């Protein structure tokens, strides 16, 4: 499967992607994970992206498109991929369309995961993420806390609240999403690719998508 996952920050795109990749061997591609790993490693890309990410702003297209062109040509993408958190603007979507045509890749669907704003705020404010870029396990202090507070169950690294998941940063991210990313739904509707799924449960979202994709 070759999908784009749309939806506000905290809509569950990452969780849905992880479940779907287990179905047919497709790979989840999260520009956020790639960028956070670069920040932690202190690479030139990471240094350039860090200031944008900490404010909750979008990283410039020139950085993102270079990442995506390289990533989509790696061997593990041959079975399929799910783009999680990309594209985020109409310009990125237009540039992605050109890139996919260049690489002779056809998208199956653009999935719009629609979740109420209050649910998103609660999810993100209570979320904790393993700071180890090779792990990045996600916890929730209410519904799925680590066994030892502040420590990742899987690798023993610190489970932290990311700087872009404070309430102030989240509100800014949601406003940025509404201004710049939500219009993507209209863009992909014109392409005939949009499938909107409403629900706060990732399992329900995945079930609907499996039916739509014929799995």
Protein backbone atom coordinates (compact mmCIF):
# COMPACT_ATOMS: atom_id res chain seq x y z
CA UNK A 1 0.00 0.00 0.00
CA UNK A 2 1.08 3.55 -0.73
CA UNK A 3 -0.77 5.98 1.51
CA UNK A 4 -0.62 9.53 2.79
CA UNK A 5 -1.95 9.93 6.34
CA UNK A 6 -3.60 13.29 6.97
CA UNK A 7 -4.93 14.62 10.27
CA UNK A 8 -4.08 17.10 13.00
CA UNK A 9 -1.15 16.52 15.39
CA UNK A 10 -2.31 13.85 17.84
CA UNK A 11 -4.94 12.38 15.50
CA UNK A 12 -3.22 8.99 15.72
CA UNK A 13 -1.43 8.89 12.37
CA UNK A 14 1.67 7.23 13.84
CA UNK A 15 -0.30 4.56 15.69
CA UNK A 16 -2.41 3.76 12.63
CA UNK A 17 0.71 3.59 10.46
CA UNK A 18 2.42 1.09 12.77
CA UNK A 19 -0.62 -1.22 12.64
CA UNK A 20 -0.99 -0.97 8.86
CA UNK A 21 2.69 -1.64 8.12
CA UNK A 22 2.37 -5.03 9.80
CA UNK A 23 -0.25 -6.05 7.22
CA UNK A 24 1.82 -6.09 4.04
CA UNK A 25 5.36 -5.05 4.91
CA UNK A 26 4.92 -1.41 3.94
CA UNK A 27 7.21 1.01 5.76
CA UNK A 28 6.14 3.99 7.87
CA UNK A 29 7.90 7.20 6.86
CA UNK A 30 7.66 9.94 9.46
CA UNK A 31 9.51 13.14 8.65
CA UNK A 32 9.09 14.07 12.31
CA UNK A 33 11.00 10.97 13.46
CA UNK A 34 13.72 11.56 10.86
CA UNK A 35 14.12 15.19 11.92
CA UNK A 36 14.09 14.45 15.66
CA UNK A 37 16.77 11.81 15.14
CA UNK A 38 18.87 14.38 13.26
CA UNK A 39 18.38 16.90 16.08
CA UNK A 40 19.50 14.40 18.71
CA UNK A 41 22.50 13.36 16.61
CA UNK A 42 23.49 17.00 16.16
CA UNK A 43 23.74 16.77 12.37
CA UNK A 44 23.67 19.87 10.17
CA UNK A 45 20.07 19.05 9.22
CA UNK A 46 19.21 18.65 12.89
CA UNK A 47 20.74 21.96 13.88
CA UNK A 48 18.88 23.74 11.09
CA UNK A 49 15.55 22.10 11.91
CA UNK A 50 15.71 22.34 15.73
CA UNK A 51 14.68 25.97 16.11
CA UNK A 52 11.63 25.49 13.87
CA UNK A 53 10.52 22.31 15.64
CA UNK A 54 10.82 23.69 19.17
CA UNK A 55 8.51 26.56 18.26
CA UNK A 56 5.99 24.19 16.66
CA UNK A 57 6.63 25.75 13.23
CA UNK A 58 6.98 23.84 9.97
CA UNK A 59 10.49 22.95 8.82
CA UNK A 60 11.26 24.61 5.42
CA UNK A 61 10.24 22.70 2.30
CA UNK A 62 13.78 22.67 0.91
CA UNK A 63 14.91 20.50 3.84
CA UNK A 64 11.90 18.21 3.78
CA UNK A 65 11.84 17.52 0.03
CA UNK A 66 15.50 16.53 0.02
CA UNK A 67 14.80 14.07 2.84
CA UNK A 68 11.80 12.56 1.05
CA UNK A 69 13.46 12.06 -2.34
CA UNK A 70 16.30 10.16 -0.71
CA UNK A 71 14.00 8.15 1.59
CA UNK A 72 11.53 6.99 -1.08
CA UNK A 73 14.34 5.45 -3.13
CA UNK A 74 15.57 3.21 -0.30
CA UNK A 75 14.99 -0.54 -0.72
CA UNK A 76 12.46 -0.92 2.10
CA UNK A 77 9.98 1.34 0.25
CA UNK A 78 9.58 -1.16 -2.61
CA UNK A 79 6.81 -3.04 -0.75
CA UNK A 80 4.94 0.19 -0.08
CA UNK A 81 4.97 3.13 2.33
CA UNK A 82 2.79 5.26 4.56
CA UNK A 83 3.67 8.94 4.72
CA UNK A 84 3.03 10.10 8.28
CA UNK A 85 3.10 13.88 8.73
CA UNK A 86 3.97 14.69 5.13
CA UNK A 87 3.02 16.61 3.06
CA UNK A 88 1.99 19.46 5.36
CA UNK A 89 1.35 22.24 2.85
CA UNK A 90 -0.14 22.59 -0.62
CA UNK A 91 3.31 23.44 -1.98
CA UNK A 92 4.74 20.23 -0.49
CA UNK A 93 1.84 18.26 -1.97
CA UNK A 94 2.50 19.74 -5.41
CA UNK A 95 6.22 19.01 -5.13
CA UNK A 96 5.49 15.48 -3.88
CA UNK A 97 3.23 14.88 -6.90
CA UNK A 98 6.12 15.84 -9.19
CA UNK A 99 8.54 13.67 -7.20
CA UNK A 100 6.28 10.60 -7.29
CA UNK A 101 5.81 10.97 -11.05
CA UNK A 102 9.59 11.21 -11.42
CA UNK A 103 10.00 8.00 -9.41
CA UNK A 104 7.06 6.29 -11.21
CA UNK A 105 5.12 5.82 -7.95
CA UNK A 106 1.28 5.87 -7.77
CA UNK A 107 -0.54 6.64 -4.52
CA UNK A 108 -3.45 4.42 -3.42
CA UNK A 109 -5.15 6.81 -1.02
CA UNK A 110 -4.88 9.95 1.12
CA UNK A 111 -6.41 9.09 4.49
CA UNK A 112 -7.94 11.91 6.54
CA UNK A 113 -8.16 10.91 10.22
CA UNK A 114 -10.74 13.22 11.82
CA UNK A 115 -10.49 13.52 15.63
CA UNK A 116 -12.16 16.15 17.90
CA UNK A 117 -9.92 19.02 19.08
CA UNK A 118 -10.47 18.35 22.81
CA UNK A 119 -9.37 14.72 22.38
CA UNK A 120 -6.21 15.82 20.58
CA UNK A 121 -5.30 18.35 23.29
CA UNK A 122 -5.72 15.73 26.02
CA UNK A 123 -3.71 13.13 24.10
CA UNK A 124 -0.73 15.37 23.40
CA UNK A 125 -0.51 17.11 26.78
CA UNK A 126 -0.34 13.72 28.50
CA UNK A 127 1.96 12.03 25.96
CA UNK A 128 5.52 11.04 26.78
CA UNK A 129 8.07 9.86 24.20
CA UNK A 130 11.28 7.86 24.60
CA UNK A 131 14.14 10.26 23.88
CA UNK A 132 16.18 7.47 22.22
CA UNK A 133 15.84 8.16 18.47
CA UNK A 134 16.18 4.42 17.73
CA UNK A 135 13.26 3.57 20.02
CA UNK A 136 10.84 6.51 20.27
CA UNK A 137 8.23 4.43 22.14
CA UNK A 138 5.15 6.50 23.02
CA UNK A 139 3.37 6.51 26.38
CA UNK A 140 0.43 8.34 27.93
CA UNK A 141 0.52 9.27 31.61
CA UNK A 142 -3.23 8.55 31.87
CA UNK A 143 -3.92 5.54 29.68
CA UNK A 144 -0.54 3.91 29.05
CA UNK A 145 2.14 5.10 31.50
CA UNK A 146 5.62 3.53 31.60
CA UNK A 147 6.03 0.99 34.43
CA UNK A 148 8.62 3.26 36.04
CA UNK A 149 7.73 6.95 35.85
CA UNK A 150 9.87 8.79 33.32
CA UNK A 151 11.67 5.63 32.09
CA UNK A 152 10.99 3.82 28.79
CA UNK A 153 9.90 0.19 29.30
CA UNK A 154 11.59 -0.94 26.10
CA UNK A 155 15.09 0.54 26.26
CA UNK A 156 15.51 2.24 29.65
CA UNK A 157 16.02 5.74 28.23
CA UNK A 158 14.13 8.75 29.56
CA UNK A 159 10.44 9.05 28.59
CA UNK A 160 9.96 12.80 28.25
CA UNK A 161 7.44 15.43 27.30
CA UNK A 162 8.71 16.81 24.01
CA UNK A 163 9.18 20.56 23.77
CA UNK A 164 6.56 20.71 21.01
CA UNK A 165 3.99 18.94 23.22
CA UNK A 166 3.57 21.55 25.92
CA UNK A 167 0.07 23.06 25.84
CA UNK A 168 1.36 26.33 24.37
CA UNK A 169 3.24 24.56 21.57
CA UNK A 170 0.31 22.22 20.88
CA UNK A 171 -2.13 25.11 20.44
CA UNK A 172 0.35 26.72 18.06
CA UNK A 173 0.75 23.45 16.12
CA UNK A 174 -3.03 23.07 15.80
CA UNK A 175 -3.36 26.62 14.50
CA UNK A 176 -0.53 25.96 12.03
CA UNK A 177 -2.31 22.77 10.95
CA UNK A 178 -5.62 24.58 10.41
CA UNK A 179 -3.94 27.34 8.40
CA UNK A 180 -1.52 25.33 6.27
CA UNK A 181 -2.24 21.59 6.38
CA UNK A 182 -6.04 21.20 6.53
CA UNK A 183 -6.35 22.57 2.94
CA UNK A 184 -4.56 19.39 1.78
CA UNK A 185 -7.85 17.55 2.19
CA UNK A 186 -9.30 19.65 -0.62
CA UNK A 187 -6.17 19.16 -2.73
CA UNK A 188 -6.39 15.37 -2.53
CA UNK A 189 -10.17 15.38 -2.96
CA UNK A 190 -9.58 16.96 -6.38
CA UNK A 191 -7.12 14.13 -7.06
CA UNK A 192 -9.84 11.62 -6.14
CA UNK A 193 -7.72 10.10 -3.37
CA UNK A 194 -9.33 11.14 -0.07
CA UNK A 195 -10.82 8.65 2.41
CA UNK A 196 -12.06 10.36 5.61
CA UNK A 197 -12.29 8.23 8.76
CA UNK A 198 -13.81 9.66 11.94
CA UNK A 199 -13.00 7.99 15.24
CA UNK A 200 -10.95 8.25 18.39
CA UNK A 201 -9.93 4.58 18.29
CA UNK A 202 -7.01 3.56 16.06
CA UNK A 203 -8.49 0.06 15.78
CA UNK A 204 -11.69 1.45 14.22
CA UNK A 205 -9.70 3.58 11.80
CA UNK A 206 -7.57 0.60 10.75
CA UNK A 207 -10.63 -1.63 10.27
CA UNK A 208 -12.23 0.90 7.92
CA UNK A 209 -9.01 1.31 5.96
CA UNK A 210 -8.47 -2.43 5.60
CA UNK A 211 -11.97 -2.73 4.12
CA UNK A 212 -11.35 0.20 1.76
CA UNK A 213 -8.03 -1.28 0.61
CA UNK A 214 -9.40 -4.80 0.22
CA UNK A 215 -7.41 -6.51 3.01
